[in-house]
């Protein structure tokens, strides 16, 4: 899955010396992304709930806190060339249930946090003719049961990225990354309720996802979107262009593997 990310014209894009901000910097993807960017010579500051020397504490579900945290990061960096919106959470949710506080938090973290950080960082990014990367999910298009709020939030990232790209034209590159299933702590809440998304999707590694993020960050002509593995890319492409086929595959696998889907399957029914 590739395509031109924006309209910025460049002769090169060397990460050495670039100033980068990474959200969710203390998580599995975030920590590894920060490390890889620094190995490539970038200067990096993070945002996360857990503070450290180069990570600014910020609860991204509190929108009033975001502008000051982003300003502090830009001040430390002396400007901003690259923003990686990586923060995300996932919790099981049925589409037939009214959205509760947990479902709303998933959308707040996965969508509105990145939106808020991007808006706060936009003047500095436009000045630098920089780039923004959103870490979405293959589940933005491959629709599985029992994950409604997560699916909604990840699909919405694509639409926001499209709007950001068209509004900023030559001033900004915008890319979206689609990881597949990676067994990291983001899935702990789902596993605690017996919902194992790894039953549906081939596992990927943190290294594969982070390698994709950094490759896109360093690309002279960054892609509009990029899956972290060929298998995930094929799944996303099928779900986007042949949705009825993808739905049949998901229904078949769900009905075959109901015993491994935990307490929520009693309310799901045969699909």
Protein backbone atom coordinates (compact mmCIF):
# COMPACT_ATOMS: atom_id res chain seq x y z
CA UNK A 1 0.00 0.00 0.00
CA UNK A 2 1.69 3.12 -1.16
CA UNK A 3 0.91 6.52 -2.51
CA UNK A 4 2.33 10.01 -2.31
CA UNK A 5 1.90 11.36 1.22
CA UNK A 6 1.57 15.05 0.41
CA UNK A 7 2.87 17.67 -1.98
CA UNK A 8 6.13 18.78 -0.35
CA UNK A 9 9.00 18.69 -2.86
CA UNK A 10 12.33 17.52 -1.41
CA UNK A 11 15.75 16.54 -2.67
CA UNK A 12 16.46 14.50 0.48
CA UNK A 13 15.22 13.79 3.99
CA UNK A 14 18.00 12.72 6.32
CA UNK A 15 16.87 11.98 9.88
CA UNK A 16 20.23 13.16 11.22
CA UNK A 17 19.60 16.48 12.93
CA UNK A 18 15.81 16.27 12.59
CA UNK A 19 13.67 17.29 15.58
CA UNK A 20 11.00 14.72 16.41
CA UNK A 21 8.07 14.43 18.82
CA UNK A 22 6.62 10.97 19.58
CA UNK A 23 3.40 10.41 21.52
CA UNK A 24 2.99 7.27 23.58
CA UNK A 25 6.77 7.39 23.93
CA UNK A 26 6.89 5.05 26.95
CA UNK A 27 4.92 2.26 25.27
CA UNK A 28 6.15 -0.71 23.27
CA UNK A 29 6.13 0.97 19.85
CA UNK A 30 7.00 4.39 21.24
CA UNK A 31 10.09 3.36 23.18
CA UNK A 32 11.50 1.43 20.24
CA UNK A 33 10.65 4.24 17.80
CA UNK A 34 12.46 6.82 19.94
CA UNK A 35 15.50 4.56 20.14
CA UNK A 36 15.60 3.96 16.37
CA UNK A 37 15.19 7.65 15.56
CA UNK A 38 18.08 8.54 17.85
CA UNK A 39 20.21 5.85 16.24
CA UNK A 40 19.57 7.64 12.94
CA UNK A 41 20.72 10.96 14.43
CA UNK A 42 17.39 12.60 15.25
CA UNK A 43 16.75 14.58 18.43
CA UNK A 44 13.61 13.21 20.08
CA UNK A 45 11.23 14.28 22.83
CA UNK A 46 8.23 12.18 23.86
CA UNK A 47 4.81 12.66 25.41
CA UNK A 48 3.38 10.02 27.72
CA UNK A 49 1.70 9.48 31.08
CA UNK A 50 5.07 8.30 32.41
CA UNK A 51 7.65 11.04 32.71
CA UNK A 52 11.40 10.61 32.18
CA UNK A 53 14.34 12.79 31.14
CA UNK A 54 13.22 13.12 27.52
CA UNK A 55 9.52 12.30 27.99
CA UNK A 56 7.14 15.06 29.05
CA UNK A 57 4.25 13.91 31.23
CA UNK A 58 0.90 14.60 29.60
CA UNK A 59 -2.51 12.95 29.84
CA UNK A 60 -3.63 13.17 26.23
CA UNK A 61 -7.26 12.60 27.24
CA UNK A 62 -7.16 16.07 28.84
CA UNK A 63 -7.19 18.37 25.80
CA UNK A 64 -6.47 21.48 27.85
CA UNK A 65 -3.07 20.03 28.80
CA UNK A 66 -1.89 19.30 25.26
CA UNK A 67 -0.87 22.77 23.98
CA UNK A 68 1.47 23.46 26.90
CA UNK A 69 3.08 20.02 26.65
CA UNK A 70 3.62 20.39 22.90
CA UNK A 71 5.02 23.91 23.37
CA UNK A 72 7.45 22.56 25.98
CA UNK A 73 8.56 19.81 23.59
CA UNK A 74 9.08 22.25 20.73
CA UNK A 75 10.98 24.56 23.04
CA UNK A 76 13.33 21.75 24.09
CA UNK A 77 13.85 20.71 20.48
CA UNK A 78 14.20 24.22 19.09
CA UNK A 79 11.52 23.56 16.47
CA UNK A 80 9.81 20.52 15.01
CA UNK A 81 10.36 18.53 11.81
CA UNK A 82 8.58 15.26 12.57
CA UNK A 83 5.53 14.29 14.63
CA UNK A 84 4.70 10.61 15.19
CA UNK A 85 1.24 10.09 16.69
CA UNK A 86 1.68 6.67 18.23
CA UNK A 87 -0.36 6.75 21.47
CA UNK A 88 -3.22 4.23 21.47
CA UNK A 89 -5.31 1.86 23.59
CA UNK A 90 -7.72 -0.97 22.84
CA UNK A 91 -10.61 -2.42 24.86
CA UNK A 92 -13.33 -4.89 23.76
CA UNK A 93 -16.65 -3.27 22.84
CA UNK A 94 -19.76 -4.55 21.09
CA UNK A 95 -21.25 -2.32 18.41
CA UNK A 96 -24.72 -3.01 19.85
CA UNK A 97 -23.84 -1.62 23.27
CA UNK A 98 -24.24 2.06 24.03
CA UNK A 99 -20.81 3.74 24.18
CA UNK A 100 -19.69 3.85 27.80
CA UNK A 101 -16.83 5.79 29.39
CA UNK A 102 -14.32 3.14 28.34
CA UNK A 103 -15.40 3.18 24.70
CA UNK A 104 -15.23 6.97 24.69
CA UNK A 105 -11.72 6.87 26.18
CA UNK A 106 -10.54 4.59 23.37
CA UNK A 107 -11.72 7.13 20.80
CA UNK A 108 -10.30 10.01 22.86
CA UNK A 109 -6.82 8.46 22.99
CA UNK A 110 -6.69 6.93 19.52
CA UNK A 111 -8.23 9.82 17.58
CA UNK A 112 -8.66 13.07 19.45
CA UNK A 113 -5.30 12.95 21.23
CA UNK A 114 -3.43 12.79 17.92
CA UNK A 115 -5.71 15.45 16.49
CA UNK A 116 -5.01 17.75 19.45
CA UNK A 117 -1.25 17.20 19.39
CA UNK A 118 -1.13 17.75 15.64
CA UNK A 119 -3.11 20.99 15.90
CA UNK A 120 -0.81 22.29 18.64
CA UNK A 121 2.30 21.34 16.66
CA UNK A 122 1.06 22.47 13.25
CA UNK A 123 2.61 25.98 13.13
CA UNK A 124 6.07 24.59 13.89
CA UNK A 125 5.62 21.72 11.44
CA UNK A 126 4.47 24.02 8.66
CA UNK A 127 7.40 26.35 9.28
CA UNK A 128 9.80 23.41 8.91
CA UNK A 129 7.85 21.88 5.98
CA UNK A 130 7.81 18.80 8.16
CA UNK A 131 5.84 15.61 8.29
CA UNK A 132 3.27 13.84 10.43
CA UNK A 133 2.93 10.06 10.82
CA UNK A 134 -0.14 8.42 12.35
CA UNK A 135 0.18 4.87 13.68
CA UNK A 136 -3.22 3.39 12.88
CA UNK A 137 -3.99 -0.33 12.53
CA UNK A 138 -4.87 -2.90 9.92
CA UNK A 139 -8.17 -3.03 11.80
CA UNK A 140 -8.98 0.40 10.40
CA UNK A 141 -10.35 -1.61 7.46
CA UNK A 142 -10.30 -5.28 8.45
CA UNK A 143 -13.43 -5.30 10.62
CA UNK A 144 -13.47 -7.83 13.45
CA UNK A 145 -16.23 -8.41 16.00
CA UNK A 146 -16.00 -7.28 19.64
CA UNK A 147 -13.80 -4.22 18.99
CA UNK A 148 -16.19 -1.48 17.86
CA UNK A 149 -14.63 1.54 19.57
CA UNK A 150 -11.11 0.57 18.50
CA UNK A 151 -12.21 0.02 14.89
CA UNK A 152 -14.07 3.33 14.77
CA UNK A 153 -11.11 5.25 16.18
CA UNK A 154 -8.61 3.72 13.76
CA UNK A 155 -10.80 4.21 10.68
CA UNK A 156 -11.33 7.84 11.70
CA UNK A 157 -7.56 8.44 11.78
CA UNK A 158 -7.48 7.90 8.02
CA UNK A 159 -10.14 10.53 7.44
CA UNK A 160 -8.43 13.03 9.71
CA UNK A 161 -5.10 12.40 7.97
CA UNK A 162 -6.77 12.96 4.59
CA UNK A 163 -8.23 16.27 5.77
CA UNK A 164 -4.90 17.38 7.22
CA UNK A 165 -3.09 16.47 4.00
CA UNK A 166 -5.45 18.31 1.66
CA UNK A 167 -5.59 21.42 3.87
CA UNK A 168 -1.81 21.76 4.19
CA UNK A 169 -0.73 20.91 0.66
CA UNK A 170 2.88 21.87 0.06
CA UNK A 171 3.59 22.66 3.70
CA UNK A 172 3.33 19.16 5.18
CA UNK A 173 3.71 15.44 4.41
CA UNK A 174 1.13 13.15 6.05
CA UNK A 175 1.40 9.35 6.25
CA UNK A 176 -0.61 6.60 7.96
CA UNK A 177 0.94 3.30 9.11
CA UNK A 178 -1.13 0.11 9.41
CA UNK A 179 0.40 -2.42 11.82
CA UNK A 180 -1.11 -5.88 12.05
CA UNK A 181 -1.50 -7.85 15.28
CA UNK A 182 1.46 -7.34 17.60
CA UNK A 183 1.30 -9.01 21.05
CA UNK A 184 2.00 -5.91 23.16
CA UNK A 185 0.33 -4.61 26.36
CA UNK A 186 -2.28 -2.73 24.29
CA UNK A 187 -4.10 -6.08 24.03
CA UNK A 188 -4.02 -6.87 27.77
CA UNK A 189 -7.53 -5.55 28.41
CA UNK A 190 -8.91 -7.66 25.57
CA UNK A 191 -7.07 -10.78 26.71
CA UNK A 192 -8.38 -10.26 30.26
CA UNK A 193 -11.89 -10.64 28.84
CA UNK A 194 -10.93 -13.63 26.74
CA UNK A 195 -10.80 -11.83 23.41
CA UNK A 196 -7.64 -12.79 21.53
CA UNK A 197 -7.30 -10.90 18.24
CA UNK A 198 -4.28 -13.04 17.46
CA UNK A 199 -6.77 -15.78 16.55
CA UNK A 200 -7.68 -13.80 13.42
CA UNK A 201 -4.44 -12.16 12.35
CA UNK A 202 -0.85 -13.32 11.80
CA UNK A 203 1.48 -11.94 14.43
CA UNK A 204 3.95 -9.20 13.63
CA UNK A 205 6.87 -7.98 15.72
CA UNK A 206 7.55 -4.61 17.28
CA UNK A 207 10.69 -4.43 15.15
CA UNK A 208 8.67 -4.79 11.93
CA UNK A 209 6.27 -2.02 12.90
CA UNK A 210 8.96 0.35 14.15
CA UNK A 211 11.09 -0.36 11.10
CA UNK A 212 8.15 0.69 8.91
CA UNK A 213 7.58 3.88 10.93
CA UNK A 214 11.23 4.89 10.66
CA UNK A 215 11.46 3.98 6.97
CA UNK A 216 8.45 6.20 6.24
CA UNK A 217 9.89 8.98 8.41
CA UNK A 218 13.15 8.88 6.43
CA UNK A 219 11.65 8.50 2.96
CA UNK A 220 12.39 11.24 0.44
CA UNK A 221 8.86 10.82 -0.89
CA UNK A 222 6.88 9.41 2.03
CA UNK A 223 3.92 7.19 1.15
CA UNK A 224 0.36 8.22 1.84
CA UNK A 225 -0.16 4.91 3.66
CA UNK A 226 1.95 1.85 4.39
CA UNK A 227 1.26 -1.50 6.04
CA UNK A 228 3.99 -2.88 8.26
CA UNK A 229 4.07 -6.26 6.48
CA UNK A 230 3.02 -7.53 3.08
CA UNK A 231 0.41 -9.82 4.67
CA UNK A 232 -1.25 -6.97 6.51
CA UNK A 233 -1.11 -4.84 3.38
CA UNK A 234 -2.95 -7.52 1.41
CA UNK A 235 -5.58 -7.80 4.15
CA UNK A 236 -6.15 -4.06 4.25
CA UNK A 237 -6.31 -3.81 0.46
CA UNK A 238 -8.86 -6.63 0.31
CA UNK A 239 -10.98 -5.06 3.04
CA UNK A 240 -10.93 -1.69 1.26
CA UNK A 241 -11.62 -2.91 -2.26
CA UNK A 242 -13.44 -6.24 -1.72
CA UNK A 243 -15.24 -5.62 1.60
CA UNK A 244 -17.87 -8.34 1.14
CA UNK A 245 -15.13 -10.94 0.64
CA UNK A 246 -13.28 -9.74 3.74
CA UNK A 247 -16.52 -9.85 5.75
CA UNK A 248 -17.19 -13.45 4.71
CA UNK A 249 -13.71 -14.49 5.78
CA UNK A 250 -14.09 -12.80 9.18
CA UNK A 251 -17.54 -14.32 9.74
CA UNK A 252 -16.27 -17.76 8.88
CA UNK A 253 -13.29 -17.53 11.22
CA UNK A 254 -15.41 -16.08 14.00
CA UNK A 255 -17.95 -18.89 13.84
CA UNK A 256 -15.18 -21.51 13.69
CA UNK A 257 -13.33 -20.11 16.71
CA UNK A 258 -16.10 -19.01 19.02
CA UNK A 259 -14.77 -20.97 21.99
CA UNK A 260 -11.68 -18.80 22.09
CA UNK A 261 -13.49 -15.46 22.06
CA UNK A 262 -14.41 -15.18 25.71
CA UNK A 263 -17.45 -13.96 27.59
CA UNK A 264 -18.70 -11.55 24.93
CA UNK A 265 -19.50 -14.31 22.44
CA UNK A 266 -22.58 -15.29 24.45
CA UNK A 267 -24.08 -11.95 23.42
CA UNK A 268 -22.69 -12.00 19.89
CA UNK A 269 -24.72 -14.81 18.37
CA UNK A 270 -23.77 -16.69 15.24
CA UNK A 271 -22.66 -14.29 12.51
